[in-house]
C-alpha atoms as a PDB file:
ATOM      1  CA  MET A   1     189.421-144.035-100.202  1.00  0.00           C
ATOM      2  CA  LYS A   2     186.413-143.271-102.061  1.00  0.00           C
ATOM      3  CA  THR A   3     184.043-140.449-100.899  1.00  0.00           C
ATOM      4  CA  LYS A   4     181.036-142.768-100.854  1.00  0.00           C
ATOM      5  CA  TRP A   5     182.525-144.995 -98.441  1.00  0.00           C
ATOM      6  CA  ARG A   6     184.044-142.410 -96.297  1.00  0.00           C
ATOM      7  CA  TRP A   7     180.717-141.160 -95.679  1.00  0.00           C
ATOM      8  CA  ILE A   8     179.086-144.377 -94.330  1.00  0.00           C
ATOM      9  CA  LEU A   9     182.462-145.122 -92.077  1.00  0.00           C
ATOM     10  CA  LEU A  10     181.905-141.968 -90.596  1.00  0.00           C
ATOM     11  CA  ALA A  11     177.931-142.102 -89.796  1.00  0.00           C
ATOM     12  CA  PRO A  12     178.568-144.007 -86.870  1.00  0.00           C
ATOM     13  CA  ILE A  13     180.434-141.212 -85.496  1.00  0.00           C
ATOM     14  CA  GLY A  14     177.717-138.695 -86.043  1.00  0.00           C
ATOM     15  CA  PHE A  15     175.664-140.783 -84.445  1.00  0.00           C
ATOM     16  CA  LEU A  16     177.304-141.252 -81.392  1.00  0.00           C
ATOM     17  CA  LEU A  17     178.184-137.429 -80.961  1.00  0.00           C
ATOM     18  CA  PHE A  18     174.271-136.310 -81.119  1.00  0.00           C
ATOM     19  CA  ASP A  19     173.884-139.321 -78.410  1.00  0.00           C
ATOM     20  CA  PHE A  20     176.362-137.763 -76.429  1.00  0.00           C
ATOM     21  CA  LEU A  21     174.984-134.399 -76.722  1.00  0.00           C
ATOM     22  CA  GLU A  22     171.661-135.376 -76.395  1.00  0.00           C
ATOM     23  CA  TYR A  23     172.502-137.062 -72.874  1.00  0.00           C
ATOM     24  CA  ALA A  24     174.514-134.121 -71.886  1.00  0.00           C
ATOM     25  CA  SER A  25     171.107-131.766 -72.464  1.00  0.00           C
ATOM     26  CA  LEU A  26     169.334-134.355 -70.514  1.00  0.00           C
ATOM     27  CA  ALA A  27     171.755-133.676 -67.890  1.00  0.00           C
ATOM     28  CA  LEU A  28     171.506-130.221 -67.589  1.00  0.00           C
ATOM     29  CA  VAL A  29     167.697-130.671 -68.065  1.00  0.00           C
ATOM     30  CA  LEU A  30     168.045-132.627 -64.630  1.00  0.00           C
ATOM     31  CA  THR A  31     170.157-130.107 -62.782  1.00  0.00           C
ATOM     32  CA  THR A  32     168.955-126.674 -63.984  1.00  0.00           C
ATOM     33  CA  PHE A  33     164.780-127.558 -65.028  1.00  0.00           C
ATOM     34  CA  SER A  34     165.111-125.276 -68.027  1.00  0.00           C
ATOM     35  CA  GLU A  35     162.855-126.195 -70.469  1.00  0.00           C
ATOM     36  CA  VAL A  36     165.577-124.710 -73.559  1.00  0.00           C
ATOM     37  CA  PHE A  37     167.799-127.569 -72.343  1.00  0.00           C
ATOM     38  CA  GLY A  38     164.615-129.786 -73.125  1.00  0.00           C
ATOM     39  CA  ASN A  39     164.031-128.559 -76.032  1.00  0.00           C
ATOM     40  CA  VAL A  40     168.116-128.468 -77.003  1.00  0.00           C
ATOM     41  CA  ALA A  41     167.791-132.337 -75.932  1.00  0.00           C
ATOM     42  CA  GLY A  42     164.805-133.194 -78.234  1.00  0.00           C
ATOM     43  CA  VAL A  43     166.589-131.655 -81.294  1.00  0.00           C
ATOM     44  CA  PHE A  44     169.822-133.919 -80.720  1.00  0.00           C
ATOM     45  CA  THR A  45     167.126-136.944 -80.093  1.00  0.00           C
ATOM     46  CA  LEU A  46     165.606-136.477 -83.688  1.00  0.00           C
ATOM     47  CA  MET A  47     169.468-135.795 -85.453  1.00  0.00           C
ATOM     48  CA  LYS A  48     170.226-139.195 -83.380  1.00  0.00           C
ATOM     49  CA  PHE A  49     167.678-140.948 -85.080  1.00  0.00           C
ATOM     50  CA  VAL A  50     168.696-139.061 -88.557  1.00  0.00           C
ATOM     51  CA  PHE A  51     171.560-140.970 -88.412  1.00  0.00           C
ATOM     52  CA  PHE A  52     170.298-143.871 -87.023  1.00  0.00           C
ATOM     53  CA  MET A  53     167.472-145.118 -89.532  1.00  0.00           C
ATOM     54  CA  PRO A  54     169.722-145.292 -92.942  1.00  0.00           C
ATOM     55  CA  LEU A  55     172.806-147.049 -90.664  1.00  0.00           C
ATOM     56  CA  VAL A  56     170.265-149.826 -89.991  1.00  0.00           C
ATOM     57  CA  PHE A  57     169.308-150.432 -93.676  1.00  0.00           C
ATOM     58  CA  ILE A  58     173.094-149.782 -94.340  1.00  0.00           C
ATOM     59  CA  SER A  59     173.914-153.027 -92.055  1.00  0.00           C
ATOM     60  CA  PHE A  60     171.545-155.295 -93.344  1.00  0.00           C
ATOM     61  CA  GLY A  61     172.340-154.303 -96.609  1.00  0.00           C
ATOM     62  CA  MET A  62     176.084-155.227 -96.079  1.00  0.00           C
ATOM     63  CA  GLY A  63     175.586-158.053 -94.052  1.00  0.00           C
ATOM     64  CA  VAL A  64     173.338-159.873 -96.966  1.00  0.00           C
ATOM     65  CA  ALA A  65     176.012-158.862 -99.451  1.00  0.00           C
ATOM     66  CA  GLY A  66     178.412-160.393 -97.170  1.00  0.00           C
ATOM     67  CA  ILE A  67     176.910-163.117 -97.013  1.00  0.00           C
ATOM     68  CA  VAL A  68     175.810-163.916-100.537  1.00  0.00           C
ATOM     69  CA  ALA A  69     179.851-163.130-101.227  1.00  0.00           C
ATOM     70  CA  ILE A  70     180.471-166.173 -98.760  1.00  0.00           C
ATOM     71  CA  PHE A  71     178.024-168.278-100.357  1.00  0.00           C
ATOM     72  CA  LEU A  72     179.404-167.364-104.112  1.00  0.00           C
ATOM     73  CA  ARG A  73     183.240-168.100-102.998  1.00  0.00           C
ATOM     74  CA  LYS A  74     181.758-171.321-101.416  1.00  0.00           C
ATOM     75  CA  CYS A  75     180.122-172.362-104.748  1.00  0.00           C
ATOM     76  CA  LYS A  76     183.183-171.030-106.715  1.00  0.00           C
ATOM     77  CA  ASP A  77     185.717-173.136-104.418  1.00  0.00           C
ATOM     78  CA  GLU A  78     183.554-176.284-104.654  1.00  0.00           C
ATOM     79  CA  ILE A  79     183.583-175.720-109.021  1.00  0.00           C
ATOM     80  CA  GLU A  80     186.944-175.331-109.169  1.00  0.00           C
ATOM     81  CA  SER A  81     187.683-178.576-106.935  1.00  0.00           C
ATOM     82  CA  ASN A  82     185.756-180.846-109.074  1.00  0.00           C
END
C-alpha cells in the first residue's frame, strides 16, 4: 500500500483516539474538579477537530469519485453493448 493511502486510512483512528482522550479527560474533570484536566480536554477537542475537518472533505471527495466511476462504468457498458 502506498504511503499516502495508509495515512488517509489511519486518520479516522487518530480522530477516535483524540475523541476517547477528550471524554476521558472530561470524566476526570467531573470527578476531580481540576482545571488542568479541563485545559487538557480543550487541547484534545482541538486535536479531534484537526483530524475531523480534513476527513469530511476527503470523504466527500472519495464519494464523488466513486459516483463518477460508477457513472463512467455504466456509460462504457452501454457503449460496448451497442
